[in-house]
Amino acid sequence: MKGGQGEPGAKGERGDPGLPGTDGIPGSEGPKGERGLKGEPGPPGKRGRKGDRGEKGDQGVPGLDAPCPIGPDGLPLPGCGWRPQKEFHEPLTTQAPIEPPEPIEEGDYDDTGDEDYEEYPDQNNNYQKK
């Protein structure tokens, strides 16, 4: 047998938080944003294919095989865009007159032959025969 219901007890302590709920329904799409700044240029691309061949040009003026007719000497005829080569002339320069050296007087040099010269060996080991 059960007895009657008792008086309500005091409020208990707060419990642990529960698990997260499910995601809500998606909202409507927002307005379009502003255009961004222009980026830096990229690396150059690959070279393209060679183009198609062009159309054939107009017929040229009839003429000679050579640009100028050739005379009996094998040279182009005068007045046909050919000029003879200028003749080579020696440059005109004036030279100073060459004067003979002044004679050496006997008293200018002491030539007793008694001087002793110190001999230095050649730095490249090239010895001359005396």
Protein backbone atom coordinates (compact mmCIF):
# COMPACT_ATOMS: atom_id res chain seq x y z
CA MET A 1 0.00 0.00 0.00
CA LYS A 2 1.09 3.45 -0.86
CA GLY A 3 0.80 6.50 1.16
CA GLY A 4 -0.17 10.00 0.02
CA GLN A 5 2.02 12.36 -1.87
CA GLY A 6 4.35 14.49 0.21
CA GLU A 7 5.23 18.15 -0.07
CA PRO A 8 7.46 19.27 -2.92
CA GLY A 9 11.17 19.42 -2.10
CA ALA A 10 13.69 22.28 -2.49
CA LYS A 11 14.99 23.21 -6.01
CA GLY A 12 18.12 21.24 -6.99
CA GLU A 13 21.44 22.43 -8.49
CA ARG A 14 21.77 23.39 -12.14
CA GLY A 15 22.63 20.45 -14.39
CA ASP A 16 25.30 20.02 -17.13
CA PRO A 17 24.70 21.71 -20.50
CA GLY A 18 23.04 19.53 -23.11
CA LEU A 19 24.20 18.48 -26.60
CA PRO A 20 24.16 21.08 -29.43
CA GLY A 21 20.98 21.26 -31.45
CA THR A 22 20.52 20.67 -35.16
CA ASP A 23 21.27 23.40 -37.80
CA GLY A 24 18.46 25.71 -38.69
CA ILE A 25 17.01 26.16 -42.14
CA PRO A 26 19.23 28.20 -44.56
CA GLY A 27 18.45 31.89 -44.99
CA SER A 28 17.99 33.87 -48.20
CA GLU A 29 21.03 34.84 -50.36
CA GLY A 30 22.65 38.21 -49.55
CA PRO A 31 23.33 41.09 -51.98
CA LYS A 32 26.26 40.89 -54.49
CA GLY A 33 29.53 42.39 -53.22
CA GLU A 34 31.67 45.12 -54.81
CA ARG A 35 34.22 44.32 -57.54
CA GLY A 36 37.75 43.67 -56.21
CA LEU A 37 41.03 45.29 -57.26
CA LYS A 38 42.74 44.23 -60.51
CA GLY A 39 45.37 41.52 -60.00
CA GLU A 40 48.96 41.51 -61.25
CA PRO A 41 49.65 40.27 -64.79
CA GLY A 42 50.45 36.61 -65.13
CA PRO A 43 53.42 34.98 -66.89
CA PRO A 44 53.58 35.18 -70.71
CA GLY A 45 51.77 32.42 -72.53
CA LYS A 46 53.03 29.93 -75.09
CA ARG A 47 53.94 31.12 -78.56
CA GLY A 48 51.11 30.73 -81.04
CA ARG A 49 51.16 28.70 -84.23
CA LYS A 50 52.64 30.05 -87.42
CA GLY A 51 50.16 32.01 -89.48
CA ASP A 52 48.76 31.06 -92.84
CA ARG A 53 50.68 31.91 -95.98
CA GLY A 54 49.73 35.24 -97.53
CA GLU A 55 48.35 35.85 -100.97
CA LYS A 56 50.65 36.05 -103.97
CA GLY A 57 51.83 39.57 -104.78
CA ASP A 58 51.35 41.56 -107.98
CA GLN A 59 53.47 40.93 -111.07
CA GLY A 60 56.66 42.99 -111.15
CA VAL A 61 57.80 45.36 -113.87
CA PRO A 62 59.42 43.54 -116.77
CA GLY A 63 63.15 44.15 -116.87
CA LEU A 64 66.59 42.65 -117.25
CA ASP A 65 68.01 39.74 -115.35
CA ALA A 66 70.67 42.03 -113.94
CA PRO A 67 69.88 45.40 -112.39
CA CYS A 68 71.91 47.20 -115.11
CA PRO A 69 72.88 46.22 -118.66
CA ILE A 70 76.50 45.10 -118.95
CA GLY A 71 78.88 46.59 -121.51
CA PRO A 72 81.58 44.79 -123.57
CA ASP A 73 84.10 45.27 -120.75
CA GLY A 74 81.87 43.35 -118.32
CA LEU A 75 81.05 46.46 -116.29
CA PRO A 76 77.61 48.08 -116.05
CA LEU A 77 76.94 50.85 -118.53
CA PRO A 78 77.60 54.42 -117.32
CA GLY A 79 74.65 56.22 -115.76
CA CYS A 80 73.01 53.07 -114.44
CA GLY A 81 73.48 53.65 -110.75
CA TRP A 82 77.10 52.56 -110.85
CA ARG A 83 79.97 54.86 -110.03
CA PRO A 84 83.63 54.08 -110.61
CA GLN A 85 85.67 53.69 -107.49
CA LYS A 86 87.50 56.84 -106.45
CA GLU A 87 91.21 56.71 -107.18
CA PHE A 88 93.43 56.31 -104.15
CA HIS A 89 95.68 59.33 -103.52
CA GLU A 90 98.56 59.36 -101.11
CA PRO A 91 97.83 61.74 -98.25
CA LEU A 92 99.61 65.04 -98.63
CA THR A 93 101.69 65.62 -95.55
CA THR A 94 104.65 67.84 -94.98
CA GLN A 95 107.60 66.42 -93.16
CA ALA A 96 109.99 68.38 -91.04
CA PRO A 97 113.42 68.63 -92.63
CA ILE A 98 115.85 66.09 -91.25
CA GLU A 99 118.87 67.79 -89.76
CA PRO A 100 122.16 65.95 -89.33
CA PRO A 101 123.21 65.33 -85.72
CA GLU A 102 125.59 67.79 -84.15
CA PRO A 103 129.20 66.62 -84.00
CA ILE A 104 130.43 65.41 -80.61
CA GLU A 105 133.33 67.34 -79.18
CA GLU A 106 136.19 65.45 -77.58
CA GLY A 107 135.83 67.17 -74.22
CA ASP A 108 132.20 66.17 -73.71
CA TYR A 109 132.93 62.62 -72.58
CA ASP A 110 135.46 61.08 -70.26
CA ASP A 111 136.43 57.90 -72.07
CA THR A 112 139.19 56.50 -69.90
CA GLY A 113 137.74 52.99 -69.84
CA ASP A 114 138.59 52.63 -66.13
CA GLU A 115 135.01 52.62 -64.92
CA ASP A 116 133.87 49.38 -63.35
CA TYR A 117 130.29 48.55 -64.11
CA GLU A 118 128.51 46.16 -61.81
CA GLU A 119 126.97 43.36 -63.83
CA TYR A 120 123.41 42.47 -63.01
CA PRO A 121 122.05 39.08 -64.01
CA ASP A 122 119.10 39.18 -66.35
CA GLN A 123 115.86 38.63 -64.44
CA ASN A 124 114.56 36.27 -67.16
CA ASN A 125 117.76 34.18 -67.11
CA ASN A 126 118.58 35.26 -70.67
CA TYR A 127 122.34 35.55 -70.79
CA GLN A 128 124.07 37.07 -73.75
CA LYS A 129 127.41 35.74 -74.94
CA LYS A 130 130.19 38.32 -74.88
